Amino acid sequence: MQNSKRKNILLLVVRIIVGGMFVFAGVMKLLDMPNTIAMMATMGLRSTVVWMVAVGEVLAGLGVLLGVYTKLAALGVVIIMGGAVYLTAGNPMTILFFVLGAVLMKYKGGDYRLKIFG
């Protein structure tokens, strides 16, 4: 019983960190889209991809943060971070968030989440 409670608290902390960082990163991209597009263009990304990443970060971040459709939201984190790992040649922070997204996919974010539709 105690291990289950600890696991759920740890998953909540991971969700808050990953979800918060993703919402923050996505909102910052959206607030300064011209510069974001210019910066990402140097990595070979088109503006439509940059828009999809920014909106995806906000949506995935909110899903993870609130625990709503956590598995699907965490898949968004894994996809976005997989691209980031590739583009940054394996930056340790991108690898960390990729792994944390995979952990959230496996454990569905734990019991402390917003329960919608049952």
PDB file of N, CA and C in Angstrom:
ATOM      1  N   MET A   1       0.824  -1.195   0.000  1.00  0.00           N
ATOM      2  CA  MET A   1       0.000   0.000   0.000  1.00  0.00           C
ATOM      3  C   MET A   1       0.864   1.253   0.000  1.00  0.00           C
ATOM      4  N   GLN A   2       1.872   1.287   0.837  1.00  0.00           N
ATOM      5  CA  GLN A   2       2.735   2.458   0.946  1.00  0.00           C
ATOM      6  C   GLN A   2       3.496   2.703  -0.362  1.00  0.00           C
ATOM      7  N   ASN A   3       3.979   1.616  -1.014  1.00  0.00           N
ATOM      8  CA  ASN A   3       4.704   1.771  -2.272  1.00  0.00           C
ATOM      9  C   ASN A   3       3.808   2.336  -3.362  1.00  0.00           C
ATOM     10  N   SER A   4       2.545   1.923  -3.375  1.00  0.00           N
ATOM     11  CA  SER A   4       1.598   2.428  -4.360  1.00  0.00           C
ATOM     12  C   SER A   4       1.372   3.932  -4.185  1.00  0.00           C
ATOM     13  N   LYS A   5       1.248   4.365  -2.943  1.00  0.00           N
ATOM     14  CA  LYS A   5       1.048   5.788  -2.671  1.00  0.00           C
ATOM     15  C   LYS A   5       2.282   6.585  -3.092  1.00  0.00           C
ATOM     16  N   ARG A   6       3.465   6.069  -2.782  1.00  0.00           N
ATOM     17  CA  ARG A   6       4.705   6.746  -3.186  1.00  0.00           C
ATOM     18  C   ARG A   6       4.816   6.829  -4.698  1.00  0.00           C
ATOM     19  N   LYS A   7       4.466   5.735  -5.380  1.00  0.00           N
ATOM     20  CA  LYS A   7       4.511   5.720  -6.836  1.00  0.00           C
ATOM     21  C   LYS A   7       3.582   6.786  -7.408  1.00  0.00           C
ATOM     22  N   ASN A   8       2.376   6.886  -6.858  1.00  0.00           N
ATOM     23  CA  ASN A   8       1.411   7.866  -7.352  1.00  0.00           C
ATOM     24  C   ASN A   8       1.869   9.296  -7.080  1.00  0.00           C
ATOM     25  N   ILE A   9       2.485   9.530  -5.946  1.00  0.00           N
ATOM     26  CA  ILE A   9       3.011  10.865  -5.651  1.00  0.00           C
ATOM     27  C   ILE A   9       4.164  11.199  -6.595  1.00  0.00           C
ATOM     28  N   LEU A  10       5.047  10.238  -6.821  1.00  0.00           N
ATOM     29  CA  LEU A  10       6.168  10.462  -7.746  1.00  0.00           C
ATOM     30  C   LEU A  10       5.665  10.741  -9.156  1.00  0.00           C
ATOM     31  N   LEU A  11       4.664   9.981  -9.606  1.00  0.00           N
ATOM     32  CA  LEU A  11       4.095  10.226 -10.936  1.00  0.00           C
ATOM     33  C   LEU A  11       3.437  11.599 -11.012  1.00  0.00           C
ATOM     34  N   LEU A  12       2.799  12.037  -9.935  1.00  0.00           N
ATOM     35  CA  LEU A  12       2.209  13.381  -9.902  1.00  0.00           C
ATOM     36  C   LEU A  12       3.299  14.440 -10.046  1.00  0.00           C
ATOM     37  N   VAL A  13       4.402  14.272  -9.332  1.00  0.00           N
ATOM     38  CA  VAL A  13       5.512  15.230  -9.419  1.00  0.00           C
ATOM     39  C   VAL A  13       6.073  15.252 -10.844  1.00  0.00           C
ATOM     40  N   VAL A  14       6.256  14.083 -11.438  1.00  0.00           N
ATOM     41  CA  VAL A  14       6.759  14.010 -12.824  1.00  0.00           C
ATOM     42  C   VAL A  14       5.782  14.691 -13.766  1.00  0.00           C
ATOM     43  N   ARG A  15       4.483  14.441 -13.585  1.00  0.00           N
ATOM     44  CA  ARG A  15       3.480  15.088 -14.435  1.00  0.00           C
ATOM     45  C   ARG A  15       3.524  16.604 -14.314  1.00  0.00           C
ATOM     46  N   ILE A  16       3.655  17.108 -13.084  1.00  0.00           N
ATOM     47  CA  ILE A  16       3.701  18.558 -12.884  1.00  0.00           C
ATOM     48  C   ILE A  16       4.930  19.157 -13.563  1.00  0.00           C
ATOM     49  N   ILE A  17       6.074  18.502 -13.428  1.00  0.00           N
ATOM     50  CA  ILE A  17       7.310  19.017 -14.035  1.00  0.00           C
ATOM     51  C   ILE A  17       7.225  18.968 -15.557  1.00  0.00           C
ATOM     52  N   VAL A  18       6.901  17.806 -16.098  1.00  0.00           N
ATOM     53  CA  VAL A  18       6.860  17.647 -17.559  1.00  0.00           C
ATOM     54  C   VAL A  18       5.752  18.513 -18.155  1.00  0.00           C
ATOM     55  N   GLY A  19       4.552  18.433 -17.580  1.00  0.00           N
ATOM     56  CA  GLY A  19       3.436  19.221 -18.101  1.00  0.00           C
ATOM     57  C   GLY A  19       3.687  20.709 -18.007  1.00  0.00           C
ATOM     58  N   GLY A  20       4.203  21.153 -16.869  1.00  0.00           N
ATOM     59  CA  GLY A  20       4.504  22.578 -16.697  1.00  0.00           C
ATOM     60  C   GLY A  20       5.546  23.079 -17.680  1.00  0.00           C
ATOM     61  N   MET A  21       6.603  22.299 -17.862  1.00  0.00           N
ATOM     62  CA  MET A  21       7.655  22.701 -18.807  1.00  0.00           C
ATOM     63  C   MET A  21       7.129  22.738 -20.241  1.00  0.00           C
ATOM     64  N   PHE A  22       6.293  21.772 -20.586  1.00  0.00           N
ATOM     65  CA  PHE A  22       5.763  21.738 -21.951  1.00  0.00           C
ATOM     66  C   PHE A  22       4.805  22.901 -22.207  1.00  0.00           C
ATOM     67  N   VAL A  23       3.920  23.182 -21.268  1.00  0.00           N
ATOM     68  CA  VAL A  23       3.008  24.320 -21.438  1.00  0.00           C
ATOM     69  C   VAL A  23       3.820  25.609 -21.550  1.00  0.00           C
ATOM     70  N   PHE A  24       4.788  25.784 -20.679  1.00  0.00           N
ATOM     71  CA  PHE A  24       5.626  26.982 -20.704  1.00  0.00           C
ATOM     72  C   PHE A  24       6.355  27.116 -22.042  1.00  0.00           C
ATOM     73  N   ALA A  25       6.995  26.036 -22.491  1.00  0.00           N
ATOM     74  CA  ALA A  25       7.756  26.087 -23.746  1.00  0.00           C
ATOM     75  C   ALA A  25       6.848  26.383 -24.934  1.00  0.00           C
ATOM     76  N   GLY A  26       5.674  25.753 -24.959  1.00  0.00           N
ATOM     77  CA  GLY A  26       4.745  25.979 -26.065  1.00  0.00           C
ATOM     78  C   GLY A  26       4.207  27.398 -26.087  1.00  0.00           C
ATOM     79  N   VAL A  27       3.847  27.914 -24.927  1.00  0.00           N
ATOM     80  CA  VAL A  27       3.327  29.285 -24.856  1.00  0.00           C
ATOM     81  C   VAL A  27       4.410  30.286 -25.255  1.00  0.00           C
ATOM     82  N   MET A  28       5.630  30.074 -24.808  1.00  0.00           N
ATOM     83  CA  MET A  28       6.722  30.981 -25.181  1.00  0.00           C
ATOM     84  C   MET A  28       6.954  30.975 -26.695  1.00  0.00           C
ATOM     85  N   LYS A  29       6.862  29.802 -27.310  1.00  0.00           N
ATOM     86  CA  LYS A  29       6.993  29.727 -28.775  1.00  0.00           C
ATOM     87  C   LYS A  29       5.857  30.500 -29.446  1.00  0.00           C
ATOM     88  N   LEU A  30       4.634  30.282 -28.975  1.00  0.00           N
ATOM     89  CA  LEU A  30       3.474  30.933 -29.589  1.00  0.00           C
ATOM     90  C   LEU A  30       3.498  32.448 -29.412  1.00  0.00           C
ATOM     91  N   LEU A  31       4.013  32.932 -28.295  1.00  0.00           N
ATOM     92  CA  LEU A  31       4.055  34.376 -28.046  1.00  0.00           C
ATOM     93  C   LEU A  31       5.083  35.097 -28.917  1.00  0.00           C
ATOM     94  N   ASP A  32       6.076  34.377 -29.401  1.00  0.00           N
ATOM     95  CA  ASP A  32       7.112  34.993 -30.237  1.00  0.00           C
ATOM     96  C   ASP A  32       7.333  34.145 -31.486  1.00  0.00           C
ATOM     97  N   MET A  33       6.244  33.871 -32.193  1.00  0.00           N
ATOM     98  CA  MET A  33       6.290  32.962 -33.319  1.00  0.00           C
ATOM     99  C   MET A  33       7.252  33.382 -34.428  1.00  0.00           C
ATOM    100  N   PRO A  34       7.342  34.665 -34.811  1.00  0.00           N
ATOM    101  CA  PRO A  34       8.286  35.021 -35.879  1.00  0.00           C
ATOM    102  C   PRO A  34       9.735  34.622 -35.545  1.00  0.00           C
ATOM    103  N   ASN A  35      10.166  34.908 -34.334  1.00  0.00           N
ATOM    104  CA  ASN A  35      11.531  34.535 -33.948  1.00  0.00           C
ATOM    105  C   ASN A  35      11.674  33.020 -33.783  1.00  0.00           C
ATOM    106  N   THR A  36      10.626  32.377 -33.284  1.00  0.00           N
ATOM    107  CA  THR A  36      10.663  30.922 -33.134  1.00  0.00           C
ATOM    108  C   THR A  36      10.808  30.260 -34.497  1.00  0.00           C
ATOM    109  N   ILE A  37      10.038  30.718 -35.472  1.00  0.00           N
ATOM    110  CA  ILE A  37      10.112  30.161 -36.829  1.00  0.00           C
ATOM    111  C   ILE A  37      11.499  30.394 -37.417  1.00  0.00           C
ATOM    112  N   ALA A  38      12.033  31.599 -37.225  1.00  0.00           N
ATOM    113  CA  ALA A  38      13.372  31.903 -37.757  1.00  0.00           C
ATOM    114  C   ALA A  38      14.432  31.014 -37.105  1.00  0.00           C
ATOM    115  N   MET A  39      14.337  30.830 -35.807  1.00  0.00           N
ATOM    116  CA  MET A  39      15.322  30.001 -35.110  1.00  0.00           C
ATOM    117  C   MET A  39      15.217  28.539 -35.528  1.00  0.00           C
ATOM    118  N   MET A  40      14.006  28.036 -35.626  1.00  0.00           N
ATOM    119  CA  MET A  40      13.810  26.630 -36.007  1.00  0.00           C
ATOM    120  C   MET A  40      14.123  26.389 -37.483  1.00  0.00           C
ATOM    121  N   ALA A  41      14.023  27.433 -38.287  1.00  0.00           N
ATOM    122  CA  ALA A  41      14.379  27.300 -39.709  1.00  0.00           C
ATOM    123  C   ALA A  41      15.857  26.974 -39.864  1.00  0.00           C
ATOM    124  N   THR A  42      16.684  27.439 -38.938  1.00  0.00           N
ATOM    125  CA  THR A  42      18.114  27.114 -39.003  1.00  0.00           C
ATOM    126  C   THR A  42      18.361  25.621 -38.785  1.00  0.00           C
ATOM    127  N   MET A  43      17.371  24.928 -38.183  1.00  0.00           N
ATOM    128  CA  MET A  43      17.464  23.477 -37.999  1.00  0.00           C
ATOM    129  C   MET A  43      16.774  22.720 -39.118  1.00  0.00           C
ATOM    130  N   GLY A  44      16.252  23.466 -40.098  1.00  0.00           N
ATOM    131  CA  GLY A  44      15.613  22.838 -41.246  1.00  0.00           C
ATOM    132  C   GLY A  44      14.129  22.570 -41.092  1.00  0.00           C
ATOM    133  N   LEU A  45      13.485  23.206 -40.114  1.00  0.00           N
ATOM    134  CA  LEU A  45      12.053  22.991 -39.911  1.00  0.00           C
ATOM    135  C   LEU A  45      11.232  24.068 -40.611  1.00  0.00           C
ATOM    136  N   ARG A  46      10.163  23.642 -41.254  1.00  0.00           N
ATOM    137  CA  ARG A  46       9.247  24.582 -41.898  1.00  0.00           C
ATOM    138  C   ARG A  46       8.333  25.216 -40.863  1.00  0.00           C
ATOM    139  N   SER A  47       7.747  26.330 -41.234  1.00  0.00           N
ATOM    140  CA  SER A  47       6.897  27.061 -40.292  1.00  0.00           C
ATOM    141  C   SER A  47       5.692  26.237 -39.851  1.00  0.00           C
ATOM    142  N   THR A  48       5.126  25.418 -40.748  1.00  0.00           N
ATOM    143  CA  THR A  48       3.973  24.600 -40.346  1.00  0.00           C
ATOM    144  C   THR A  48       4.360  23.591 -39.261  1.00  0.00           C
ATOM    145  N   VAL A  49       5.553  23.049 -39.365  1.00  0.00           N
ATOM    146  CA  VAL A  49       6.027  22.108 -38.346  1.00  0.00           C
ATOM    147  C   VAL A  49       6.235  22.839 -37.022  1.00  0.00           C
ATOM    148  N   VAL A  50       6.773  24.053 -37.084  1.00  0.00           N
ATOM    149  CA  VAL A  50       6.994  24.835 -35.870  1.00  0.00           C
ATOM    150  C   VAL A  50       5.662  25.130 -35.190  1.00  0.00           C
ATOM    151  N   TRP A  51       4.652  25.490 -35.961  1.00  0.00           N
ATOM    152  CA  TRP A  51       3.326  25.729 -35.399  1.00  0.00           C
ATOM    153  C   TRP A  51       2.772  24.459 -34.750  1.00  0.00           C
ATOM    154  N   MET A  52       2.924  23.323 -35.432  1.00  0.00           N
ATOM    155  CA  MET A  52       2.429  22.056 -34.881  1.00  0.00           C
ATOM    156  C   MET A  52       3.151  21.702 -33.584  1.00  0.00           C
ATOM    157  N   VAL A  53       4.454  21.939 -33.535  1.00  0.00           N
ATOM    158  CA  VAL A  53       5.218  21.651 -32.320  1.00  0.00           C
ATOM    159  C   VAL A  53       4.756  22.548 -31.175  1.00  0.00           C
ATOM    160  N   ALA A  54       4.608  23.839 -31.439  1.00  0.00           N
ATOM    161  CA  ALA A  54       4.203  24.783 -30.388  1.00  0.00           C
ATOM    162  C   ALA A  54       2.816  24.444 -29.840  1.00  0.00           C
ATOM    163  N   VAL A  55       1.863  24.225 -30.721  1.00  0.00           N
ATOM    164  CA  VAL A  55       0.506  23.872 -30.285  1.00  0.00           C
ATOM    165  C   VAL A  55       0.516  22.497 -29.613  1.00  0.00           C
ATOM    166  N   GLY A  56       1.278  21.572 -30.173  1.00  0.00           N
ATOM    167  CA  GLY A  56       1.402  20.237 -29.584  1.00  0.00           C
ATOM    168  C   GLY A  56       1.990  20.276 -28.191  1.00  0.00           C
ATOM    169  N   GLU A  57       2.973  21.150 -27.972  1.00  0.00           N
ATOM    170  CA  GLU A  57       3.555  21.280 -26.643  1.00  0.00           C
ATOM    171  C   GLU A  57       2.518  21.768 -25.631  1.00  0.00           C
ATOM    172  N   VAL A  58       1.722  22.740 -26.021  1.00  0.00           N
ATOM    173  CA  VAL A  58       0.696  23.259 -25.107  1.00  0.00           C
ATOM    174  C   VAL A  58      -0.349  22.183 -24.809  1.00  0.00           C
ATOM    175  N   LEU A  59      -0.836  21.513 -25.847  1.00  0.00           N
ATOM    176  CA  LEU A  59      -1.879  20.504 -25.639  1.00  0.00           C
ATOM    177  C   LEU A  59      -1.352  19.298 -24.868  1.00  0.00           C
ATOM    178  N   ALA A  60      -0.182  18.803 -25.248  1.00  0.00           N
ATOM    179  CA  ALA A  60       0.403  17.664 -24.537  1.00  0.00           C
ATOM    180  C   ALA A  60       0.718  18.061 -23.095  1.00  0.00           C
ATOM    181  N   GLY A  61       1.232  19.262 -22.906  1.00  0.00           N
ATOM    182  CA  GLY A  61       1.549  19.730 -21.566  1.00  0.00           C
ATOM    183  C   GLY A  61       0.323  19.819 -20.685  1.00  0.00           C
ATOM    184  N   LEU A  62      -0.762  20.353 -21.217  1.00  0.00           N
ATOM    185  CA  LEU A  62      -2.001  20.447 -20.436  1.00  0.00           C
ATOM    186  C   LEU A  62      -2.550  19.063 -20.099  1.00  0.00           C
ATOM    187  N   GLY A  63      -2.514  18.166 -21.079  1.00  0.00           N
ATOM    188  CA  GLY A  63      -2.989  16.803 -20.832  1.00  0.00           C
ATOM    189  C   GLY A  63      -2.189  16.101 -19.748  1.00  0.00           C
ATOM    190  N   VAL A  64      -0.871  16.236 -19.824  1.00  0.00           N
ATOM    191  CA  VAL A  64      -0.002  15.618 -18.821  1.00  0.00           C
ATOM    192  C   VAL A  64      -0.197  16.291 -17.465  1.00  0.00           C
ATOM    193  N   LEU A  65      -0.217  17.593 -17.453  1.00  0.00           N
ATOM    194  CA  LEU A  65      -0.337  18.344 -16.201  1.00  0.00           C
ATOM    195  C   LEU A  65      -1.629  18.010 -15.457  1.00  0.00           C
ATOM    196  N   LEU A  66      -2.721  17.970 -16.181  1.00  0.00           N
ATOM    197  CA  LEU A  66      -4.025  17.714 -15.556  1.00  0.00           C
ATOM    198  C   LEU A  66      -4.328  16.226 -15.412  1.00  0.00           C
ATOM    199  N   GLY A  67      -3.562  15.396 -16.108  1.00  0.00           N
ATOM    200  CA  GLY A  67      -3.821  13.964 -16.069  1.00  0.00           C
ATOM    201  C   GLY A  67      -5.018  13.561 -16.894  1.00  0.00           C
ATOM    202  N   VAL A  68      -5.329  14.338 -17.922  1.00  0.00           N
ATOM    203  CA  VAL A  68      -6.448  14.054 -18.814  1.00  0.00           C
ATOM    204  C   VAL A  68      -5.894  13.371 -20.064  1.00  0.00           C
ATOM    205  N   TYR A  69      -6.377  12.162 -20.339  1.00  0.00           N
ATOM    206  CA  TYR A  69      -5.845  11.367 -21.452  1.00  0.00           C
ATOM    207  C   TYR A  69      -4.316  11.348 -21.386  1.00  0.00           C
ATOM    208  N   THR A  70      -3.803  11.003 -20.213  1.00  0.00           N
ATOM    209  CA  THR A  70      -2.371  11.106 -19.952  1.00  0.00           C
ATOM    210  C   THR A  70      -1.543  10.281 -20.921  1.00  0.00           C
ATOM    211  N   LYS A  71      -2.004   9.087 -21.236  1.00  0.00           N
ATOM    212  CA  LYS A  71      -1.239   8.225 -22.136  1.00  0.00           C
ATOM    213  C   LYS A  71      -1.097   8.863 -23.519  1.00  0.00           C
ATOM    214  N   LEU A  72      -2.167   9.426 -24.036  1.00  0.00           N
ATOM    215  CA  LEU A  72      -2.136  10.101 -25.331  1.00  0.00           C
ATOM    216  C   LEU A  72      -1.291  11.374 -25.263  1.00  0.00           C
ATOM    217  N   ALA A  73      -1.457  12.151 -24.199  1.00  0.00           N
ATOM    218  CA  ALA A  73      -0.673  13.371 -24.031  1.00  0.00           C
ATOM    219  C   ALA A  73       0.814  13.039 -23.902  1.00  0.00           C
ATOM    220  N   ALA A  74       1.136  11.968 -23.174  1.00  0.00           N
ATOM    221  CA  ALA A  74       2.532  11.559 -23.022  1.00  0.00           C
ATOM    222  C   ALA A  74       3.104  11.072 -24.352  1.00  0.00           C
ATOM    223  N   LEU A  75       2.266  10.486 -25.197  1.00  0.00           N
ATOM    224  CA  LEU A  75       2.722  10.109 -26.542  1.00  0.00           C
ATOM    225  C   LEU A  75       3.135  11.361 -27.312  1.00  0.00           C
ATOM    226  N   GLY A  76       2.369  12.431 -27.163  1.00  0.00           N
ATOM    227  CA  GLY A  76       2.746  13.704 -27.783  1.00  0.00           C
ATOM    228  C   GLY A  76       4.093  14.193 -27.282  1.00  0.00           C
ATOM    229  N   VAL A  77       4.332  14.051 -25.970  1.00  0.00           N
ATOM    230  CA  VAL A  77       5.620  14.436 -25.383  1.00  0.00           C
ATOM    231  C   VAL A  77       6.735  13.605 -25.999  1.00  0.00           C
ATOM    232  N   VAL A  78       6.518  12.301 -26.109  1.00  0.00           N
ATOM    233  CA  VAL A  78       7.540  11.398 -26.654  1.00  0.00           C
ATOM    234  C   VAL A  78       7.839  11.738 -28.114  1.00  0.00           C
ATOM    235  N   ILE A  79       6.817  12.006 -28.897  1.00  0.00           N
ATOM    236  CA  ILE A  79       7.024  12.338 -30.318  1.00  0.00           C
ATOM    237  C   ILE A  79       7.795  13.647 -30.451  1.00  0.00           C
ATOM    238  N   ILE A  80       7.362  14.673 -29.731  1.00  0.00           N
ATOM    239  CA  ILE A  80       8.041  15.969 -29.807  1.00  0.00           C
ATOM    240  C   ILE A  80       9.479  15.855 -29.318  1.00  0.00           C
ATOM    241  N   MET A  81       9.675  15.168 -28.209  1.00  0.00           N
ATOM    242  CA  MET A  81      11.022  15.050 -27.657  1.00  0.00           C
ATOM    243  C   MET A  81      11.893  14.119 -28.495  1.00  0.00           C
ATOM    244  N   GLY A  82      11.294  13.151 -29.157  1.00  0.00           N
ATOM    245  CA  GLY A  82      12.062  12.314 -30.083  1.00  0.00           C
ATOM    246  C   GLY A  82      12.655  13.156 -31.198  1.00  0.00           C
ATOM    247  N   GLY A  83      11.845  14.081 -31.728  1.00  0.00           N
ATOM    248  CA  GLY A  83      12.356  15.012 -32.733  1.00  0.00           C
ATOM    249  C   GLY A  83      13.429  15.923 -32.168  1.00  0.00           C
ATOM    250  N   ALA A  84      13.234  16.355 -30.939  1.00  0.00           N
ATOM    251  CA  ALA A  84      14.221  17.235 -30.302  1.00  0.00           C
ATOM    252  C   ALA A  84      15.532  16.497 -30.050  1.00  0.00           C
ATOM    253  N   VAL A  85      15.452  15.230 -29.641  1.00  0.00           N
ATOM    254  CA  VAL A  85      16.671  14.432 -29.440  1.00  0.00           C
ATOM    255  C   VAL A  85      17.432  14.324 -30.752  1.00  0.00           C
ATOM    256  N   TYR A  86      16.703  14.065 -31.831  1.00  0.00           N
ATOM    257  CA  TYR A  86      17.328  13.958 -33.150  1.00  0.00           C
ATOM    258  C   TYR A  86      17.976  15.277 -33.575  1.00  0.00           C
ATOM    259  N   LEU A  87      17.235  16.372 -33.424  1.00  0.00           N
ATOM    260  CA  LEU A  87      17.730  17.672 -33.892  1.00  0.00           C
ATOM    261  C   LEU A  87      18.874  18.225 -33.037  1.00  0.00           C
ATOM    262  N   THR A  88      18.910  17.845 -31.760  1.00  0.00           N
ATOM    263  CA  THR A  88      19.959  18.369 -30.874  1.00  0.00           C
ATOM    264  C   THR A  88      21.100  17.377 -30.677  1.00  0.00           C
ATOM    265  N   ALA A  89      21.105  16.322 -31.453  1.00  0.00           N
ATOM    266  CA  ALA A  89      22.146  15.286 -31.381  1.00  0.00           C
ATOM    267  C   ALA A  89      22.257  14.708 -29.964  1.00  0.00           C
ATOM    268  N   GLY A  90      21.129  14.493 -29.328  1.00  0.00           N
ATOM    269  CA  GLY A  90      21.107  13.821 -28.041  1.00  0.00           C
ATOM    270  C   GLY A  90      21.434  14.682 -26.850  1.00  0.00           C
ATOM    271  N   ASN A  91      20.951  15.911 -26.846  1.00  0.00           N
ATOM    272  CA  ASN A  91      21.102  16.774 -25.673  1.00  0.00           C
ATOM    273  C   ASN A  91      20.522  16.051 -24.457  1.00  0.00           C
ATOM    274  N   PRO A  92      21.258  16.004 -23.331  1.00  0.00           N
ATOM    275  CA  PRO A  92      20.777  15.254 -22.161  1.00  0.00           C
ATOM    276  C   PRO A  92      19.390  15.679 -21.660  1.00  0.00           C
ATOM    277  N   MET A  93      19.056  16.958 -21.732  1.00  0.00           N
ATOM    278  CA  MET A  93      17.750  17.410 -21.255  1.00  0.00           C
ATOM    279  C   MET A  93      16.630  16.877 -22.159  1.00  0.00           C
ATOM    280  N   THR A  94      16.870  16.844 -23.457  1.00  0.00           N
ATOM    281  CA  THR A  94      15.845  16.310 -24.359  1.00  0.00           C
ATOM    282  C   THR A  94      15.671  14.811 -24.131  1.00  0.00           C
ATOM    283  N   ILE A  95      16.759  14.111 -23.869  1.00  0.00           N
ATOM    284  CA  ILE A  95      16.673  12.678 -23.580  1.00  0.00           C
ATOM    285  C   ILE A  95      15.884  12.452 -22.292  1.00  0.00           C
ATOM    286  N   LEU A  96      16.142  13.265 -21.271  1.00  0.00           N
ATOM    287  CA  LEU A  96      15.438  13.145 -20.002  1.00  0.00           C
ATOM    288  C   LEU A  96      13.932  13.295 -20.194  1.00  0.00           C
ATOM    289  N   PHE A  97      13.495  14.330 -20.919  1.00  0.00           N
ATOM    290  CA  PHE A  97      12.064  14.539 -21.112  1.00  0.00           C
ATOM    291  C   PHE A  97      11.456  13.464 -22.006  1.00  0.00           C
ATOM    292  N   PHE A  98      12.228  12.928 -22.941  1.00  0.00           N
ATOM    293  CA  PHE A  98      11.779  11.802 -23.759  1.00  0.00           C
ATOM    294  C   PHE A  98      11.489  10.601 -22.855  1.00  0.00           C
ATOM    295  N   VAL A  99      12.425  10.297 -21.960  1.00  0.00           N
ATOM    296  CA  VAL A  99      12.273   9.158 -21.041  1.00  0.00           C
ATOM    297  C   VAL A  99      11.109   9.387 -20.074  1.00  0.00           C
ATOM    298  N   LEU A 100      10.989  10.601 -19.539  1.00  0.00           N
ATOM    299  CA  LEU A 100       9.879  10.892 -18.628  1.00  0.00           C
ATOM    300  C   LEU A 100       8.533  10.752 -19.334  1.00  0.00           C
ATOM    301  N   GLY A 101       8.467  11.152 -20.596  1.00  0.00           N
ATOM    302  CA  GLY A 101       7.242  10.953 -21.370  1.00  0.00           C
ATOM    303  C   GLY A 101       6.920   9.481 -21.529  1.00  0.00           C
ATOM    304  N   ALA A 102       7.942   8.667 -21.772  1.00  0.00           N
ATOM    305  CA  ALA A 102       7.732   7.223 -21.906  1.00  0.00           C
ATOM    306  C   ALA A 102       7.262   6.616 -20.580  1.00  0.00           C
ATOM    307  N   VAL A 103       7.805   7.085 -19.466  1.00  0.00           N
ATOM    308  CA  VAL A 103       7.378   6.605 -18.149  1.00  0.00           C
ATOM    309  C   VAL A 103       5.902   6.946 -17.925  1.00  0.00           C
ATOM    310  N   LEU A 104       5.510   8.157 -18.284  1.00  0.00           N
ATOM    311  CA  LEU A 104       4.101   8.548 -18.123  1.00  0.00           C
ATOM    312  C   LEU A 104       3.191   7.731 -19.026  1.00  0.00           C
ATOM    313  N   MET A 105       3.681   7.371 -20.201  1.00  0.00           N
ATOM    314  CA  MET A 105       2.878   6.511 -21.077  1.00  0.00           C
ATOM    315  C   MET A 105       2.660   5.143 -20.428  1.00  0.00           C
ATOM    316  N   LYS A 106       3.702   4.611 -19.835  1.00  0.00           N
ATOM    317  CA  LYS A 106       3.607   3.278 -19.227  1.00  0.00           C
ATOM    318  C   LYS A 106       2.681   3.261 -18.018  1.00  0.00           C
ATOM    319  N   TYR A 107       2.788   4.246 -17.143  1.00  0.00           N
ATOM    320  CA  TYR A 107       2.042   4.240 -15.888  1.00  0.00           C
ATOM    321  C   TYR A 107       0.793   5.121 -15.908  1.00  0.00           C
ATOM    322  N   LYS A 108       0.503   5.749 -17.029  1.00  0.00           N
ATOM    323  CA  LYS A 108      -0.706   6.570 -17.199  1.00  0.00           C
ATOM    324  C   LYS A 108      -0.823   7.704 -16.189  1.00  0.00           C
ATOM    325  N   GLY A 109       0.258   8.132 -15.624  1.00  0.00           N
ATOM    326  CA  GLY A 109       0.249   9.298 -14.749  1.00  0.00           C
ATOM    327  C   GLY A 109      -0.177   9.068 -13.310  1.00  0.00           C
ATOM    328  N   GLY A 110      -0.515   7.852 -12.939  1.00  0.00           N
ATOM    329  CA  GLY A 110      -0.879   7.577 -11.551  1.00  0.00           C
ATOM    330  C   GLY A 110      -2.330   7.883 -11.241  1.00  0.00           C
ATOM    331  N   ASP A 111      -2.665   7.753  -9.963  1.00  0.00           N
ATOM    332  CA  ASP A 111      -4.062   7.908  -9.527  1.00  0.00           C
ATOM    333  C   ASP A 111      -4.481   9.350  -9.280  1.00  0.00           C
ATOM    334  N   TYR A 112      -3.533  10.246  -9.043  1.00  0.00           N
ATOM    335  CA  TYR A 112      -3.866  11.638  -8.741  1.00  0.00           C
ATOM    336  C   TYR A 112      -3.972  12.416 -10.047  1.00  0.00           C
ATOM    337  N   ARG A 113      -5.168  12.406 -10.610  1.00  0.00           N
ATOM    338  CA  ARG A 113      -5.379  13.083 -11.885  1.00  0.00           C
ATOM    339  C   ARG A 113      -6.824  13.548 -11.974  1.00  0.00           C
ATOM    340  N   LEU A 114      -7.069  14.427 -12.934  1.00  0.00           N
ATOM    341  CA  LEU A 114      -8.419  14.885 -13.186  1.00  0.00           C
ATOM    342  C   LEU A 114      -9.152  13.771 -13.917  1.00  0.00           C
ATOM    343  N   LYS A 115     -10.225  13.297 -13.343  1.00  0.00           N
ATOM    344  CA  LYS A 115     -10.945  12.154 -13.931  1.00  0.00           C
ATOM    345  C   LYS A 115     -12.128  12.677 -14.744  1.00  0.00           C
ATOM    346  N   ILE A 116     -12.037  12.455 -16.040  1.00  0.00           N
ATOM    347  CA  ILE A 116     -13.108  12.856 -16.957  1.00  0.00           C
ATOM    348  C   ILE A 116     -13.628  11.619 -17.651  1.00  0.00           C
ATOM    349  N   PHE A 117     -14.907  11.517 -17.794  1.00  0.00           N
ATOM    350  CA  PHE A 117     -15.546  10.355 -18.441  1.00  0.00           C
ATOM    351  C   PHE A 117     -15.217   9.059 -17.704  1.00  0.00           C
ATOM    352  N   GLY A 118     -15.319   9.089 -16.386  1.00  0.00           N
ATOM    353  CA  GLY A 118     -15.142   7.861 -15.610  1.00  0.00           C
ATOM    354  C   GLY A 118     -13.832   7.808 -15.028  1.00  0.00           C
TER     355      GLY A 118
END
